[in-house]
Protein backbone atom coordinates (compact mmCIF):
# COMPACT_ATOMS: atom_id res chain seq x y z
CA MET A 1 -4.57 24.21 -73.69
CA GLY A 2 -6.51 21.30 -75.14
CA THR A 3 -5.47 19.19 -78.07
CA VAL A 4 -7.45 18.15 -81.11
CA ASN A 5 -7.96 14.45 -81.85
CA LEU A 6 -8.55 13.87 -85.54
CA GLY A 7 -6.99 10.44 -85.74
CA THR A 8 -10.22 8.53 -86.29
CA TRP A 9 -11.60 10.51 -89.22
CA VAL A 10 -9.42 8.75 -91.79
CA HIS A 11 -10.60 5.22 -90.99
CA SER A 12 -12.29 3.46 -93.88
CA THR A 13 -15.08 2.17 -91.68
CA SER A 14 -17.68 4.71 -90.61
CA ILE A 15 -20.72 4.88 -88.39
CA ILE A 16 -22.83 5.67 -91.45
CA HIS A 17 -21.92 2.60 -93.49
CA GLY A 18 -19.76 -0.45 -93.01
CA SER A 19 -17.45 1.20 -95.53
CA ARG A 20 -17.36 4.57 -97.22
CA CYS A 21 -17.70 2.91 -100.59
CA GLY A 22 -20.91 1.08 -99.79
CA SER A 23 -23.59 0.46 -102.38
CA GLY A 24 -26.73 2.55 -102.81
CA TYR A 25 -28.03 4.75 -100.05
CA GLY A 26 -31.60 3.61 -100.23
CA SER A 27 -33.94 3.63 -103.23
CA LYS A 28 -37.13 4.72 -101.50
CA PRO A 29 -37.65 8.40 -100.62
CA LEU A 30 -37.48 9.14 -96.92
CA PRO A 31 -40.48 10.73 -95.20
CA PHE A 32 -39.07 14.24 -94.84
CA HIS A 33 -40.42 17.53 -96.02
CA LEU A 34 -37.01 18.50 -97.43
CA ASN A 35 -36.09 17.58 -101.01
CA TYR A 36 -32.57 16.22 -101.20
CA LEU A 37 -30.23 16.32 -104.15
CA PRO A 38 -28.65 13.16 -105.58
CA ILE A 39 -25.43 11.96 -103.99
CA PRO A 40 -22.35 12.02 -106.24
CA LEU A 41 -20.16 8.95 -106.39
CA ILE A 42 -17.16 9.71 -104.19
CA CYS A 43 -15.40 6.37 -104.22
CA GLN A 44 -14.61 5.72 -107.88
CA LYS A 45 -11.15 4.30 -108.39
CA PRO A 46 -9.03 5.92 -111.10
CA LYS A 47 -8.18 3.80 -114.13
CA ARG A 48 -4.58 2.74 -114.37
CA HIS A 49 -2.42 2.86 -117.49
CA LEU A 50 -1.06 -0.59 -118.35
CA VAL A 51 2.29 -0.78 -120.17
CA SER A 52 3.05 -3.89 -122.24
CA SER A 53 5.92 -6.10 -121.07
CA ARG A 54 6.95 -6.91 -124.63
CA SER A 55 10.65 -6.54 -125.56
CA SER A 56 11.81 -3.02 -126.30
CA SER A 57 12.61 -3.47 -129.98
CA SER A 58 13.10 -0.46 -132.18
CA SER A 59 9.56 -0.80 -133.49
CA SER A 60 7.91 -0.93 -130.07
CA SER A 61 10.02 1.70 -128.30
CA PRO A 62 8.19 4.76 -129.67
CA ALA A 63 4.80 3.42 -128.49
CA VAL A 64 6.08 2.66 -124.97
CA SER A 65 7.83 6.01 -124.84
CA ALA A 66 4.60 7.77 -125.80
CA VAL A 67 2.66 6.02 -123.02
CA LEU A 68 5.29 6.93 -120.43
CA THR A 69 5.29 10.54 -121.61
CA ARG A 70 1.51 10.77 -121.30
CA ASP A 71 1.69 9.21 -117.83
CA ASP A 72 4.34 11.73 -116.78
CA GLU A 73 2.16 14.57 -118.04
CA THR A 74 -0.83 13.14 -116.17
CA LEU A 75 1.15 12.93 -112.94
CA GLN A 76 2.34 16.51 -113.36
CA GLN A 77 -1.23 17.67 -113.88
CA GLN A 78 -2.55 15.82 -110.80
CA LYS A 79 -3.08 18.15 -107.86
CA PRO A 80 -1.85 17.14 -104.41
CA THR A 81 -4.45 15.61 -102.15
CA PHE A 82 -5.88 18.05 -99.61
CA ASP A 83 -4.34 17.27 -96.20
CA PHE A 84 -7.38 17.70 -93.99
CA LYS A 85 -5.75 16.53 -90.79
CA SER A 86 -2.91 19.06 -91.08
CA TYR A 87 -5.39 21.77 -92.05
CA MET A 88 -7.57 21.11 -89.00
CA LEU A 89 -4.63 20.96 -86.63
CA GLN A 90 -3.23 24.23 -87.97
CA LYS A 91 -6.59 26.02 -87.85
CA ALA A 92 -7.48 24.60 -84.43
CA THR A 93 -4.13 25.74 -83.06
CA SER A 94 -4.77 29.26 -84.36
CA VAL A 95 -8.27 29.25 -82.83
CA ASN A 96 -7.00 27.96 -79.48
CA GLN A 97 -4.35 30.67 -79.35
CA ALA A 98 -6.93 33.35 -80.20
CA LEU A 99 -9.36 32.05 -77.55
CA ASP A 100 -6.61 31.92 -74.92
CA ALA A 101 -5.68 35.53 -75.67
CA ALA A 102 -9.28 36.76 -75.82
CA VAL A 103 -10.43 35.23 -72.51
CA SER A 104 -7.39 35.81 -70.35
CA LEU A 105 -7.18 35.08 -66.64
CA ARG A 106 -8.06 38.31 -64.86
CA GLU A 107 -10.21 39.56 -62.00
CA PRO A 108 -12.62 38.35 -60.84
CA ALA A 109 -10.46 35.23 -61.07
CA LYS A 110 -13.22 32.73 -60.28
CA ILE A 111 -15.47 33.57 -63.21
CA HIS A 112 -12.60 33.74 -65.69
CA GLU A 113 -11.23 30.41 -64.45
CA SER A 114 -14.65 28.88 -65.04
CA MET A 115 -14.96 30.42 -68.51
CA ARG A 116 -11.50 29.24 -69.51
CA TYR A 117 -12.01 25.78 -68.02
CA SER A 118 -14.72 24.93 -70.54
CA LEU A 119 -13.61 27.16 -73.41
CA LEU A 120 -10.07 25.73 -73.49
CA ALA A 121 -11.02 22.14 -72.68
CA GLY A 122 -10.17 20.91 -76.16
CA GLY A 123 -12.73 19.88 -78.73
CA LYS A 124 -12.44 19.67 -82.48
CA ARG A 125 -13.20 23.39 -83.11
CA VAL A 126 -15.44 22.46 -86.05
CA ARG A 127 -17.54 25.62 -85.83
CA PRO A 128 -14.71 28.17 -85.81
CA VAL A 129 -12.86 26.27 -88.55
CA LEU A 130 -16.02 26.34 -90.68
CA CYS A 131 -16.14 30.11 -90.17
CA LEU A 132 -12.52 30.56 -91.24
CA ALA A 133 -12.87 28.22 -94.24
CA ALA A 134 -15.97 30.04 -95.51
CA CYS A 135 -14.23 33.39 -95.17
CA GLU A 136 -11.24 32.20 -97.18
CA LEU A 137 -13.49 30.56 -99.79
CA VAL A 138 -15.05 33.92 -100.73
CA GLY A 139 -11.71 35.74 -100.80
CA GLY A 140 -11.24 36.91 -97.21
CA SER A 141 -8.39 36.18 -94.81
CA GLU A 142 -8.22 34.26 -91.56
CA ALA A 143 -7.72 37.52 -89.67
CA ASN A 144 -11.03 38.93 -90.99
CA ALA A 145 -13.03 36.10 -89.45
CA MET A 146 -11.03 35.02 -86.39
CA PRO A 147 -12.96 37.17 -83.85
CA ALA A 148 -16.25 35.81 -85.22
CA ALA A 149 -14.88 32.26 -85.19
CA CYS A 150 -13.95 32.71 -81.53
CA ALA A 151 -17.34 34.25 -80.77
CA VAL A 152 -19.14 31.21 -82.22
CA GLU A 153 -16.99 28.91 -80.09
CA MET A 154 -17.70 31.00 -76.98
CA ILE A 155 -21.44 30.67 -77.59
CA HIS A 156 -21.12 26.96 -78.33
CA THR A 157 -19.25 26.55 -75.03
CA MET A 158 -21.94 28.52 -73.22
CA SER A 159 -24.59 26.15 -74.59
CA LEU A 160 -22.59 23.13 -73.40
CA ILE A 161 -22.11 24.55 -69.90
CA HIS A 162 -25.84 25.26 -69.60
CA ASP A 163 -26.88 21.96 -71.23
CA ASP A 164 -24.89 20.02 -68.65
CA LEU A 165 -26.60 21.66 -65.66
CA PRO A 166 -28.83 19.53 -63.41
CA CYS A 167 -31.88 21.51 -64.51
CA MET A 168 -31.14 20.62 -68.16
CA ASP A 169 -29.33 17.40 -69.19
CA ASN A 170 -27.76 16.82 -65.75
CA ASP A 171 -24.45 15.57 -67.11
CA ASP A 172 -21.19 15.28 -65.21
CA LEU A 173 -18.81 14.51 -68.10
CA ARG A 174 -17.86 16.69 -71.06
CA ARG A 175 -14.87 16.18 -73.38
CA GLY A 176 -13.58 13.57 -70.98
CA LYS A 177 -13.52 15.97 -68.02
CA PRO A 178 -15.92 16.82 -65.18
CA THR A 179 -18.48 19.36 -66.33
CA ASN A 180 -18.22 23.00 -65.33
CA HIS A 181 -20.82 22.92 -62.56
CA ILE A 182 -19.17 19.86 -60.99
CA VAL A 183 -15.91 21.80 -60.67
CA PHE A 184 -17.14 25.35 -59.98
CA GLY A 185 -20.69 24.87 -58.73
CA GLU A 186 -24.00 25.51 -60.48
CA ASP A 187 -24.08 29.22 -59.67
CA VAL A 188 -20.68 30.00 -61.17
CA ALA A 189 -21.34 27.72 -64.17
CA VAL A 190 -24.50 29.66 -65.04
CA LEU A 191 -22.64 32.96 -64.77
CA ALA A 192 -19.70 31.66 -66.81
CA GLY A 193 -22.08 30.76 -69.63
CA ASP A 194 -23.72 34.18 -69.40
CA ALA A 195 -20.33 35.91 -69.50
CA LEU A 196 -19.20 33.95 -72.57
CA LEU A 197 -22.43 34.83 -74.36
CA ALA A 198 -22.04 38.55 -73.67
CA PHE A 199 -18.34 38.64 -74.49
CA ALA A 200 -18.90 36.89 -77.83
CA PHE A 201 -20.75 39.94 -79.18
CA GLU A 202 -18.24 42.37 -77.69
CA HIS A 203 -15.39 40.45 -79.29
CA ILE A 204 -16.86 40.62 -82.81
CA ALA A 205 -17.68 44.31 -82.48
CA VAL A 206 -14.34 45.38 -80.99
CA SER A 207 -11.77 42.98 -82.45
CA THR A 208 -12.80 42.46 -86.10
CA VAL A 209 -10.26 44.09 -88.43
CA ASN A 210 -10.26 45.18 -92.08
CA VAL A 211 -14.01 44.63 -92.48
CA THR A 212 -16.50 47.40 -93.22
CA PRO A 213 -18.85 48.43 -90.37
CA PRO A 214 -22.02 47.39 -92.29
CA ARG A 215 -20.67 43.85 -92.64
CA ILE A 216 -19.74 43.70 -88.93
CA ILE A 217 -23.24 44.87 -87.98
CA ARG A 218 -24.76 42.30 -90.34
CA ALA A 219 -22.63 39.59 -88.72
CA VAL A 220 -23.70 40.60 -85.20
CA ALA A 221 -27.36 40.53 -86.23
CA GLU A 222 -26.92 37.11 -87.86
CA LEU A 223 -25.37 35.69 -84.71
CA ALA A 224 -28.06 37.13 -82.43
CA LYS A 225 -30.83 35.67 -84.57
CA ALA A 226 -29.16 32.26 -84.74
CA ILE A 227 -29.03 31.79 -80.98
CA GLY A 228 -32.19 33.55 -79.80
CA SER A 229 -35.80 32.55 -79.20
CA GLU A 230 -36.24 31.58 -82.85
CA GLY A 231 -32.86 29.90 -83.16
CA LEU A 232 -30.80 27.75 -80.79
CA VAL A 233 -33.01 28.51 -77.79
CA ALA A 234 -36.13 27.55 -79.77
CA GLY A 235 -34.63 24.15 -80.50
CA GLN A 236 -33.71 23.61 -76.87
CA VAL A 237 -37.18 24.56 -75.61
CA VAL A 238 -39.01 22.28 -78.07
CA ASP A 239 -36.54 19.51 -77.21
CA ILE A 240 -37.29 19.87 -73.50
CA CYS A 241 -41.04 19.91 -74.12
CA SER A 242 -40.77 16.80 -76.29
CA GLU A 243 -39.13 14.57 -73.69
CA GLY A 244 -41.24 11.53 -72.87
CA LEU A 245 -43.83 12.26 -75.58
CA THR A 246 -44.79 9.45 -77.96
CA SER A 247 -46.32 11.73 -80.59
CA VAL A 248 -43.11 13.42 -81.76
CA GLY A 249 -42.71 12.90 -85.51
CA LEU A 250 -39.89 13.44 -87.95
CA GLU A 251 -40.94 16.98 -88.83
CA GLN A 252 -40.82 18.09 -85.19
CA LEU A 253 -37.54 16.24 -84.63
CA GLU A 254 -36.04 18.01 -87.62
CA TYR A 255 -37.23 21.36 -86.25
CA ILE A 256 -35.49 20.61 -82.94
CA HIS A 257 -32.18 19.74 -84.53
CA VAL A 258 -32.20 22.41 -87.23
CA HIS A 259 -32.57 24.98 -84.48
CA LYS A 260 -30.69 23.40 -81.58
CA THR A 261 -27.64 22.23 -83.53
CA ALA A 262 -27.68 23.30 -87.18
CA LYS A 263 -28.38 26.99 -86.57
CA LEU A 264 -25.03 27.67 -84.89
CA LEU A 265 -23.11 25.67 -87.49
CA GLU A 266 -24.99 27.56 -90.20
CA CYS A 267 -24.21 30.84 -88.49
CA ALA A 268 -20.50 30.03 -88.31
CA VAL A 269 -20.33 29.53 -92.08
CA VAL A 270 -22.50 32.57 -92.87
CA LEU A 271 -20.44 34.83 -90.60
CA GLY A 272 -17.29 33.77 -92.41
CA ALA A 273 -18.86 34.44 -95.80
CA ILE A 274 -20.16 37.87 -94.74
CA LEU A 275 -16.90 39.02 -93.15
CA GLY A 276 -14.88 37.64 -96.05
CA GLY A 277 -16.73 39.88 -98.49
CA GLY A 278 -18.98 37.27 -100.12
CA ASP A 279 -21.85 38.41 -102.33
CA ASP A 280 -25.45 37.58 -101.42
CA GLU A 281 -25.64 34.57 -103.76
CA SER A 282 -22.50 33.01 -102.28
CA VAL A 283 -23.69 33.67 -98.73
CA GLU A 284 -27.01 31.93 -99.39
CA LYS A 285 -25.41 28.92 -101.06
CA LEU A 286 -23.09 28.54 -98.10
CA ARG A 287 -26.04 28.95 -95.73
CA LYS A 288 -27.78 25.97 -97.35
CA TYR A 289 -24.57 23.95 -97.28
CA ALA A 290 -24.17 24.70 -93.59
CA ARG A 291 -27.79 23.81 -92.83
CA SER A 292 -27.26 20.40 -94.39
CA ILE A 293 -24.07 19.67 -92.46
CA GLY A 294 -25.64 21.08 -89.29
CA LEU A 295 -28.48 18.58 -89.48
CA LEU A 296 -25.98 15.91 -90.51
CA PHE A 297 -23.97 16.68 -87.37
CA GLN A 298 -26.99 15.94 -85.17
CA VAL A 299 -28.02 12.79 -87.06
CA VAL A 300 -24.50 11.43 -86.59
CA ASP A 301 -24.58 12.50 -82.93
CA ASP A 302 -27.78 10.49 -82.45
CA ILE A 303 -26.18 7.46 -84.11
CA LEU A 304 -23.01 7.74 -82.02
CA ASP A 305 -25.05 8.00 -78.82
CA VAL A 306 -26.37 4.46 -79.34
CA THR A 307 -23.31 2.88 -80.98
CA LYS A 308 -20.33 4.19 -78.98
CA SER A 309 -19.18 4.02 -75.37
CA SER A 310 -18.73 6.95 -72.99
CA GLN A 311 -14.97 6.46 -73.18
CA GLU A 312 -15.04 6.67 -76.99
CA LEU A 313 -17.28 9.75 -76.99
CA GLY A 314 -15.69 11.66 -74.12
CA LYS A 315 -19.19 12.23 -72.74
CA THR A 316 -21.98 10.10 -71.33
CA ALA A 317 -23.22 7.63 -73.94
CA GLY A 318 -26.84 6.48 -74.12
CA LYS A 319 -28.18 9.47 -72.20
CA ASP A 320 -30.81 10.23 -74.88
CA LEU A 321 -32.22 6.73 -74.44
CA VAL A 322 -32.28 7.08 -70.65
CA ALA A 323 -34.01 10.48 -70.90
CA ASP A 324 -36.47 9.01 -73.42
CA LYS A 325 -35.59 11.69 -75.94
CA THR A 326 -36.78 11.48 -79.51
CA THR A 327 -33.85 10.77 -81.84
CA TYR A 328 -33.42 9.74 -85.46
CA PRO A 329 -32.52 6.11 -84.60
CA LYS A 330 -35.56 5.94 -82.33
CA LEU A 331 -37.96 7.14 -85.05
CA MET A 332 -36.32 5.73 -88.17
CA GLY A 333 -34.09 2.94 -87.01
CA LEU A 334 -30.32 2.86 -87.25
CA GLU A 335 -30.00 1.96 -90.94
CA LYS A 336 -32.47 4.58 -92.17
CA SER A 337 -30.67 7.15 -90.01
CA ARG A 338 -27.43 6.26 -91.74
CA GLU A 339 -29.09 6.57 -95.15
CA PHE A 340 -30.43 10.00 -94.19
CA ALA A 341 -26.94 11.05 -93.13
CA GLU A 342 -25.59 10.03 -96.54
CA GLU A 343 -28.29 12.07 -98.28
CA LEU A 344 -27.42 15.16 -96.25
CA LEU A 345 -23.74 14.70 -97.04
CA GLY A 346 -24.48 14.48 -100.75
CA GLU A 347 -26.65 17.58 -100.61
CA ALA A 348 -23.94 19.57 -98.84
CA LYS A 349 -21.29 18.64 -101.41
CA GLU A 350 -23.59 19.48 -104.30
CA LEU A 351 -24.09 22.98 -102.91
CA LEU A 352 -20.33 23.57 -103.07
CA SER A 353 -20.02 22.47 -106.70
CA GLY A 354 -20.28 26.02 -108.07
CA PHE A 355 -17.27 27.28 -106.09
CA ASP A 356 -13.58 26.97 -106.88
CA GLN A 357 -12.92 23.38 -105.80
CA ASP A 358 -9.43 24.08 -104.48
CA LYS A 359 -10.76 26.79 -102.18
CA ALA A 360 -13.79 24.66 -101.31
CA ALA A 361 -11.64 21.65 -100.36
CA PRO A 362 -11.68 22.43 -96.61
CA LEU A 363 -15.50 22.68 -96.54
CA ILE A 364 -15.86 19.46 -98.56
CA ALA A 365 -13.47 17.70 -96.19
CA LEU A 366 -15.28 19.12 -93.16
CA ALA A 367 -18.57 17.71 -94.47
CA ASN A 368 -16.91 14.29 -94.81
CA TYR A 369 -15.42 14.61 -91.34
CA ILE A 370 -18.76 15.45 -89.76
CA ALA A 371 -20.34 12.45 -91.52
CA TYR A 372 -17.63 9.93 -90.66
CA ARG A 373 -16.45 11.13 -87.25
CA GLN A 374 -16.24 8.59 -84.45
CA ASN A 375 -16.86 10.88 -81.49
């Protein structure tokens, strides 16, 4: 079973800015049809209490004692910092165990070996963790959303298997390993993707527990819409048709990435909110949050593709440039792409401001992780 590498997310230097506490994110509005919310300051340092070093005479003791008492009270009131790395490792372990159990090795052995090869090849499990975090934010449990979280990861894996095929991106490296069709052949790789897609819906319908049937049906419909001809597939088709064109603008590029990448991330969060019992207002707020981080994910991907090596990424670097694909750095330049990423991050965090901040901590941390990841 694969492991999860989260070691790089805590570095102070990011691909968006030279440091996380950089100055302004750009004063001029960017040429996008979306209106972005202001970015909150996230790097303010807390003020420290200074205690005088004067001698502790009887007249000065009460004042010093009062300061120390207030400091003690402040420390007691401070909440422990959210341990994102431990959270991700724990959730990813749970997801990996659930995936291993759901897609067991059975007959026909060949197809299940191929399915498991890509499904259990590691990865950060961002999408299923988003699903679980959203479910718990609105009052649900991990068990309510785990089948849906696994289903989203199955569909994500399907899209990777198919993307890597010679007729698509023609890639031979994925998560540091040979791609599925290199190991099992193109025919089996296609069928493995098809099987994962079909089983994803079966798994939600059959394995979801302690959730009302109307909510399960709503979740299935949400997932189908997110990946169909007006969702993920739409983004892929427009992406393919845009290769080599010089007339692709920012609006069309955004359409590609909102559908090709953001839709499945959005769906993961919405499924969690639905299955966790969230009301319509909460579901829609989380949908907008997820849309922002979904687009952010792709902007960062575009930046990483031109700033990192294949070894660092675990997949072929620079392939968008070779394929003459339209990307954010190509249209906007690297610095403006980084500024756009910061705006999306700020928008996502603002959308979580109305929720309980302790329960929202995983989603806030996931937004930061997506923005500052190194692979």
